[in-house]
Structure formats: C-alpha cells, structure tokens
Amino acid sequence: MTPFLIALQFLTTFPIQLKQMPTQQQNGQSLLFYPVVGLIIGLILAVLALLLQALPNVLLSSLILVFWIWLSGGLHLDGLADSADAWVGGFGDKERTLAIMKDPACGPIGVLSLIILCVIKGSALYVLLQHQLYAALILFPILGRLAPLFLFLTTSYVRKQGLGSSMAAFIPKTAALIVAALCLLVVLYFQWLGILSFIAAVLTLLYLRHKFIQRIGGITGDTLGASIEITEAVSMLVFACALSYLTLL
C-alpha cells in the first residue's frame, strides 16, 4: 500500500500523509503505480466532463485543462519548462544543461513551451468534447505516466544522488513490464484511435530518450516530467486528429 501512496502523493495534490519515511525499495516500487494514478486522474477528468457537459465546449475544455494542471500540482509542467530552458540555454554542453535545469527561474523558452503545450492540450480537449468522448480522457494520463516506467527501464539516471537514483536502482523490472502490458487493455478499448495514440506515445518516448542520451547521457527528474507532459500532449493530438479524419470518411 505504501508504494501506491508514494505515487499518489508525488503525482497529485491529494493530501496524502505517509506514516514514515519510505525505503528505497518502496520508492522504486511506487513507479509501478504511476499508470494507476494516471487512471485515477483520467477517471476524475472524465467524470468532471460528464457532470459539466451542459457548458459550452470551449469553456469546458479550459476548465478541465486548468483542473488537470491543478490536480497534478503543475509538477510535470515545471519539468518541461526547466528542460526547455536547459536545452536551448545549454548550447549542447552537458554540464551547462544540467546546471540550468537546477535553476528555479523560468526563462522565455520555458514559458513558451508551457504555452504551446497548453494550447495543444486545450485544443485536443475541445475536439474530444465536441464528439462527447469523455471516456477518452482516461487514456492520456495513463500513457503519460507510462513514460517514467519506460525511461527508468531503458535509460540511465544522470544524477547520482536523490530520489530518482534510488528509484532507478530498485524498480521491479518484471512487474513493470506486466503493468505496461496491462495498460494495453485500456489502449485496445479505444480500438484504432487508441492504438494510434499508443504508437505516437511510443515514438515520442523513443525520440525523447534519444535526445536525452545525446545531450546529457540519460534522464533527470525534469526530463521525466517533460516526458510525461509531451507524451500526453502528442497522444491527445494524434487521437483528436485521427478522430477528425475518421469522421470525414
């Protein structure tokens, strides 16, 4: 139960209080519950959309996006902004890139990345609400939170100290593969739209992993947060675009 609570505490703004400091093993095991937390977030968003469906779609999509950001505490958006600033300001240098990631200030590139991502998510939400596909909101938080599992399993963690390094060392690899396979059941529920979104998420993660290794030799907490946000946004965009084209056939 503790690994699940760790994941819930870390990925959401739910008022979770752990009774004691978690062990390194429990921190590693908490990664297995990231997609479960994604499922919870998605269910909450879907229920919210259903309850407020009487509102104009443009307003409802904005409210859902704001609530989504609040529900995750903006944690992953912070990682996206830090990563964007570091990638541009680092000028290809590993140490400079890592140093910028630690800087709490958000530069213009970081702000721009947040605006672009929120515009894409908000627009995709609008399309889904137009088609009353409220259940589809369950899919994207799950795909996004598969990103840390994939990256921890396949990529070195750059910083040798901190929470991420212990999680990387103690993640249960076999169980992680089983969790990823179970998530495919949710993907298949949405048939071709779900499959296309899943393929887009995988290709996005493969590209991000390549760029992370190329620049800094692995991953950090900020790049993990950025990966979650980018994977969510790309999978939503592909789903919405494919949906629009299918309606024309």
Foldseek 3Di string as FASTA:
>chain_A
DLLCLVLQVQFFVPPGDDPDDDDLLSLLANLLCQLVSLLVLLVVLLVQCVVPLVDQLLVSLVVSLVVSCNGRVVQLLQLQQQQQCLVVVVVLAQVSSVVSSPDSDGDPRSVVRSVVLSVLSSVLSSLCSVVPVSSCSSLLSSLLSLLVLVQLQPWDEQDCDDSVNSNSVNHPNVSNVVSVVVSVVVLCVVPPLSVQLNVQLVVLSVVLQVVCCSRHNGDYSSSSSSSSSVSSSRSSNSSSVVVVVVVVD
